C-alpha atoms as a PDB file:
ATOM      1  CA  UNK A   1      95.453 103.535  71.787  1.00  0.00           C
ATOM      2  CA  UNK A   2      98.856 103.723  70.445  1.00  0.00           C
ATOM      3  CA  UNK A   3     101.292 102.180  72.761  1.00  0.00           C
ATOM      4  CA  UNK A   4     104.952 103.133  73.567  1.00  0.00           C
ATOM      5  CA  UNK A   5     107.397 101.118  72.175  1.00  0.00           C
ATOM      6  CA  UNK A   6     109.439 100.475  74.786  1.00  0.00           C
ATOM      7  CA  UNK A   7     113.177  99.527  75.019  1.00  0.00           C
ATOM      8  CA  UNK A   8     113.607  95.344  74.722  1.00  0.00           C
ATOM      9  CA  UNK A   9     116.188  94.062  77.517  1.00  0.00           C
ATOM     10  CA  UNK A  10     115.317  90.526  76.765  1.00  0.00           C
ATOM     11  CA  UNK A  11     117.428  87.539  75.385  1.00  0.00           C
ATOM     12  CA  UNK A  12     117.841  88.283  71.525  1.00  0.00           C
ATOM     13  CA  UNK A  13     118.950  84.395  70.910  1.00  0.00           C
ATOM     14  CA  UNK A  14     118.987  80.758  73.009  1.00  0.00           C
ATOM     15  CA  UNK A  15     116.405  79.776  75.565  1.00  0.00           C
ATOM     16  CA  UNK A  16     114.954  83.715  76.304  1.00  0.00           C
ATOM     17  CA  UNK A  17     114.411  83.795  72.286  1.00  0.00           C
ATOM     18  CA  UNK A  18     112.772  80.656  72.471  1.00  0.00           C
ATOM     19  CA  UNK A  19     110.575  81.494  75.670  1.00  0.00           C
ATOM     20  CA  UNK A  20     109.658  84.689  73.492  1.00  0.00           C
ATOM     21  CA  UNK A  21     108.558  82.776  70.419  1.00  0.00           C
ATOM     22  CA  UNK A  22     106.308  80.462  72.279  1.00  0.00           C
ATOM     23  CA  UNK A  23     104.441  83.355  73.953  1.00  0.00           C
ATOM     24  CA  UNK A  24     103.515  84.779  70.794  1.00  0.00           C
ATOM     25  CA  UNK A  25     102.752  81.714  68.736  1.00  0.00           C
ATOM     26  CA  UNK A  26     100.479  80.753  71.704  1.00  0.00           C
ATOM     27  CA  UNK A  27      98.676  84.448  71.174  1.00  0.00           C
ATOM     28  CA  UNK A  28      97.985  83.620  67.498  1.00  0.00           C
ATOM     29  CA  UNK A  29      96.721  80.168  67.029  1.00  0.00           C
ATOM     30  CA  UNK A  30      97.159  76.694  67.807  1.00  0.00           C
ATOM     31  CA  UNK A  31     100.611  75.655  68.540  1.00  0.00           C
ATOM     32  CA  UNK A  32     100.734  73.082  67.215  1.00  0.00           C
ATOM     33  CA  UNK A  33      99.818  74.148  63.673  1.00  0.00           C
ATOM     34  CA  UNK A  34     102.771  76.884  63.910  1.00  0.00           C
ATOM     35  CA  UNK A  35     105.322  74.234  64.706  1.00  0.00           C
ATOM     36  CA  UNK A  36     104.367  72.409  61.681  1.00  0.00           C
ATOM     37  CA  UNK A  37     104.819  75.456  59.678  1.00  0.00           C
ATOM     38  CA  UNK A  38     108.095  76.328  61.299  1.00  0.00           C
ATOM     39  CA  UNK A  39     109.550  72.883  60.526  1.00  0.00           C
ATOM     40  CA  UNK A  40     108.723  73.808  56.581  1.00  0.00           C
ATOM     41  CA  UNK A  41     110.075  77.188  56.744  1.00  0.00           C
ATOM     42  CA  UNK A  42     113.554  77.934  54.651  1.00  0.00           C
ATOM     43  CA  UNK A  43     113.584  74.280  53.348  1.00  0.00           C
ATOM     44  CA  UNK A  44     114.143  73.205  49.883  1.00  0.00           C
ATOM     45  CA  UNK A  45     110.834  71.547  49.584  1.00  0.00           C
ATOM     46  CA  UNK A  46     109.151  74.292  52.203  1.00  0.00           C
ATOM     47  CA  UNK A  47     108.832  78.118  51.814  1.00  0.00           C
ATOM     48  CA  UNK A  48     110.712  80.888  52.439  1.00  0.00           C
ATOM     49  CA  UNK A  49     110.971  82.750  55.439  1.00  0.00           C
ATOM     50  CA  UNK A  50     108.398  86.061  55.259  1.00  0.00           C
ATOM     51  CA  UNK A  51     110.297  87.943  56.840  1.00  0.00           C
ATOM     52  CA  UNK A  52     113.765  87.815  55.428  1.00  0.00           C
ATOM     53  CA  UNK A  53     113.681  85.038  52.620  1.00  0.00           C
ATOM     54  CA  UNK A  54     116.372  83.502  54.375  1.00  0.00           C
ATOM     55  CA  UNK A  55     118.447  80.805  51.663  1.00  0.00           C
ATOM     56  CA  UNK A  56     117.655  77.474  51.525  1.00  0.00           C
ATOM     57  CA  UNK A  57     120.988  75.923  51.855  1.00  0.00           C
ATOM     58  CA  UNK A  58     121.430  72.005  50.412  1.00  0.00           C
ATOM     59  CA  UNK A  59     121.683  70.470  54.056  1.00  0.00           C
ATOM     60  CA  UNK A  60     119.648  72.455  56.275  1.00  0.00           C
ATOM     61  CA  UNK A  61     119.121  72.117  59.913  1.00  0.00           C
ATOM     62  CA  UNK A  62     115.774  70.886  61.623  1.00  0.00           C
ATOM     63  CA  UNK A  63     115.275  74.414  62.510  1.00  0.00           C
ATOM     64  CA  UNK A  64     116.548  76.958  60.569  1.00  0.00           C
ATOM     65  CA  UNK A  65     114.649  80.298  61.475  1.00  0.00           C
ATOM     66  CA  UNK A  66     115.360  83.229  63.706  1.00  0.00           C
ATOM     67  CA  UNK A  67     112.752  84.642  66.360  1.00  0.00           C
ATOM     68  CA  UNK A  68     111.709  87.093  64.235  1.00  0.00           C
ATOM     69  CA  UNK A  69     111.395  84.724  61.831  1.00  0.00           C
ATOM     70  CA  UNK A  70     108.975  82.322  63.934  1.00  0.00           C
ATOM     71  CA  UNK A  71     107.104  85.523  64.981  1.00  0.00           C
ATOM     72  CA  UNK A  72     106.706  86.336  61.662  1.00  0.00           C
ATOM     73  CA  UNK A  73     104.774  82.560  60.807  1.00  0.00           C
ATOM     74  CA  UNK A  74     102.744  83.141  64.200  1.00  0.00           C
ATOM     75  CA  UNK A  75     101.446  86.334  62.678  1.00  0.00           C
ATOM     76  CA  UNK A  76     100.683  85.270  59.208  1.00  0.00           C
ATOM     77  CA  UNK A  77      98.587  81.806  60.166  1.00  0.00           C
ATOM     78  CA  UNK A  78      97.076  83.567  62.711  1.00  0.00           C
ATOM     79  CA  UNK A  79      93.437  82.256  64.108  1.00  0.00           C
ATOM     80  CA  UNK A  80      92.191  85.656  64.692  1.00  0.00           C
ATOM     81  CA  UNK A  81      89.733  87.624  62.239  1.00  0.00           C
ATOM     82  CA  UNK A  82      87.820  90.350  61.922  1.00  0.00           C
ATOM     83  CA  UNK A  83      84.576  90.253  60.440  1.00  0.00           C
ATOM     84  CA  UNK A  84      81.799  92.892  59.448  1.00  0.00           C
ATOM     85  CA  UNK A  85      80.827  93.412  63.090  1.00  0.00           C
ATOM     86  CA  UNK A  86      83.895  95.139  64.011  1.00  0.00           C
ATOM     87  CA  UNK A  87      84.220  97.446  61.119  1.00  0.00           C
ATOM     88  CA  UNK A  88      80.393  97.895  61.957  1.00  0.00           C
ATOM     89  CA  UNK A  89      82.024  99.186  65.667  1.00  0.00           C
ATOM     90  CA  UNK A  90      85.066 100.891  64.245  1.00  0.00           C
ATOM     91  CA  UNK A  91      84.811 103.957  62.106  1.00  0.00           C
ATOM     92  CA  UNK A  92      87.667 104.626  59.469  1.00  0.00           C
ATOM     93  CA  UNK A  93      88.419 107.547  61.960  1.00  0.00           C
ATOM     94  CA  UNK A  94      88.584 105.943  64.772  1.00  0.00           C
ATOM     95  CA  UNK A  95      91.086 103.341  63.286  1.00  0.00           C
ATOM     96  CA  UNK A  96      93.657 105.840  62.321  1.00  0.00           C
ATOM     97  CA  UNK A  97      94.009 106.118  66.139  1.00  0.00           C
ATOM     98  CA  UNK A  98      95.338 102.513  66.590  1.00  0.00           C
ATOM     99  CA  UNK A  99      98.891 101.630  66.451  1.00  0.00           C
ATOM    100  CA  UNK A 100     100.095  98.941  63.959  1.00  0.00           C
ATOM    101  CA  UNK A 101     100.371  96.510  66.560  1.00  0.00           C
ATOM    102  CA  UNK A 102      96.851  97.036  67.621  1.00  0.00           C
ATOM    103  CA  UNK A 103      95.765  96.739  63.957  1.00  0.00           C
ATOM    104  CA  UNK A 104      97.623  93.795  63.520  1.00  0.00           C
ATOM    105  CA  UNK A 105      96.708  92.082  66.759  1.00  0.00           C
ATOM    106  CA  UNK A 106      93.138  92.300  66.032  1.00  0.00           C
ATOM    107  CA  UNK A 107      92.951  89.683  63.090  1.00  0.00           C
ATOM    108  CA  UNK A 108      92.943  89.454  59.382  1.00  0.00           C
ATOM    109  CA  UNK A 109      90.037  90.226  57.088  1.00  0.00           C
ATOM    110  CA  UNK A 110      87.868  87.448  56.720  1.00  0.00           C
ATOM    111  CA  UNK A 111      85.547  88.876  53.760  1.00  0.00           C
ATOM    112  CA  UNK A 112      85.148  91.699  51.057  1.00  0.00           C
ATOM    113  CA  UNK A 113      84.664  94.902  52.134  1.00  0.00           C
ATOM    114  CA  UNK A 114      84.079  98.136  50.844  1.00  0.00           C
ATOM    115  CA  UNK A 115      84.389 102.110  52.420  1.00  0.00           C
ATOM    116  CA  UNK A 116      81.278 103.660  52.745  1.00  0.00           C
ATOM    117  CA  UNK A 117      81.697 107.228  53.261  1.00  0.00           C
ATOM    118  CA  UNK A 118      78.652 108.088  54.883  1.00  0.00           C
ATOM    119  CA  UNK A 119      79.256 105.848  57.786  1.00  0.00           C
ATOM    120  CA  UNK A 120      82.914 106.203  57.319  1.00  0.00           C
ATOM    121  CA  UNK A 121      83.385 102.339  58.125  1.00  0.00           C
ATOM    122  CA  UNK A 122      83.690  99.309  55.564  1.00  0.00           C
ATOM    123  CA  UNK A 123      80.861  97.176  54.654  1.00  0.00           C
ATOM    124  CA  UNK A 124      80.705  93.947  53.899  1.00  0.00           C
ATOM    125  CA  UNK A 125      79.899  92.526  50.070  1.00  0.00           C
ATOM    126  CA  UNK A 126      79.895  89.253  48.339  1.00  0.00           C
ATOM    127  CA  UNK A 127      82.685  87.926  46.767  1.00  0.00           C
ATOM    128  CA  UNK A 128      81.075  88.322  43.507  1.00  0.00           C
ATOM    129  CA  UNK A 129      80.089  91.491  43.664  1.00  0.00           C
ATOM    130  CA  UNK A 130      83.341  92.522  45.002  1.00  0.00           C
ATOM    131  CA  UNK A 131      84.713  91.302  41.806  1.00  0.00           C
ATOM    132  CA  UNK A 132      82.218  92.309  39.282  1.00  0.00           C
ATOM    133  CA  UNK A 133      82.532  96.157  41.067  1.00  0.00           C
ATOM    134  CA  UNK A 134      86.898  95.720  40.524  1.00  0.00           C
ATOM    135  CA  UNK A 135      86.416  94.160  37.091  1.00  0.00           C
ATOM    136  CA  UNK A 136      84.057  96.713  35.735  1.00  0.00           C
ATOM    137  CA  UNK A 137      86.377 100.060  36.883  1.00  0.00           C
ATOM    138  CA  UNK A 138      89.429  97.961  35.235  1.00  0.00           C
ATOM    139  CA  UNK A 139      87.662  97.704  31.965  1.00  0.00           C
ATOM    140  CA  UNK A 140      85.890 100.929  32.306  1.00  0.00           C
ATOM    141  CA  UNK A 141      89.996 102.107  31.474  1.00  0.00           C
ATOM    142  CA  UNK A 142      90.407 102.673  27.554  1.00  0.00           C
ATOM    143  CA  UNK A 143      94.241 101.777  27.844  1.00  0.00           C
ATOM    144  CA  UNK A 144      96.097  99.179  29.731  1.00  0.00           C
ATOM    145  CA  UNK A 145      98.472 101.394  30.370  1.00  0.00           C
ATOM    146  CA  UNK A 146      96.520 103.537  32.628  1.00  0.00           C
ATOM    147  CA  UNK A 147      96.111 101.336  35.184  1.00  0.00           C
ATOM    148  CA  UNK A 148      99.285 100.047  37.592  1.00  0.00           C
ATOM    149  CA  UNK A 149      99.371  96.972  40.060  1.00  0.00           C
ATOM    150  CA  UNK A 150     100.920  97.119  43.219  1.00  0.00           C
ATOM    151  CA  UNK A 151     101.364  93.745  45.465  1.00  0.00           C
ATOM    152  CA  UNK A 152     103.404  92.740  48.298  1.00  0.00           C
ATOM    153  CA  UNK A 153     107.002  91.156  47.877  1.00  0.00           C
ATOM    154  CA  UNK A 154     104.939  87.894  49.209  1.00  0.00           C
ATOM    155  CA  UNK A 155     101.959  87.957  46.712  1.00  0.00           C
ATOM    156  CA  UNK A 156     102.748  84.388  45.031  1.00  0.00           C
ATOM    157  CA  UNK A 157     102.967  84.235  41.210  1.00  0.00           C
ATOM    158  CA  UNK A 158      99.423  82.613  41.399  1.00  0.00           C
ATOM    159  CA  UNK A 159      97.473  85.661  42.946  1.00  0.00           C
ATOM    160  CA  UNK A 160      99.593  87.816  40.441  1.00  0.00           C
ATOM    161  CA  UNK A 161      98.784  85.791  37.457  1.00  0.00           C
ATOM    162  CA  UNK A 162      94.850  86.069  38.708  1.00  0.00           C
ATOM    163  CA  UNK A 163      95.239  90.012  37.961  1.00  0.00           C
ATOM    164  CA  UNK A 164      95.467  89.939  34.234  1.00  0.00           C
ATOM    165  CA  UNK A 165      91.885  88.767  34.031  1.00  0.00           C
ATOM    166  CA  UNK A 166      90.803  91.683  35.294  1.00  0.00           C
ATOM    167  CA  UNK A 167      92.779  93.790  32.334  1.00  0.00           C
ATOM    168  CA  UNK A 168      90.792  95.282  29.431  1.00  0.00           C
END
């Protein structure tokens, strides 16, 4: 299912870039929601671009955003979702044949999942069960130095601070 990435001959700025952004946004969600988010991006009272963390100038323009940043916002706030039925229909082995773009285009996870080796699929479980299992596994270590956490650079401080609740 992997698509070949071909050379791009379109515009890298100007109206061509605006058209490209509009197409990307339209494929992901309601365009009004995304445009509102874009006007808050890279502003002192807003948030940084998820792609590049463009610095906030004291006096910014109305639209301090590049084509890639606009597309990153569209992909971050997409309405597309994958749920238990998606994983019931797709084994991990089959998903390994998908390209990054296809996996991203499928949508966001909406519930906790746990790998089932017998079916080679992810199965849903409740949030409480997920937290209980993660907590039990982390509590089973005798020394906190046996555990390492790796998170995305986009993980908020609040989310990162929650990880300490699992610590032994």
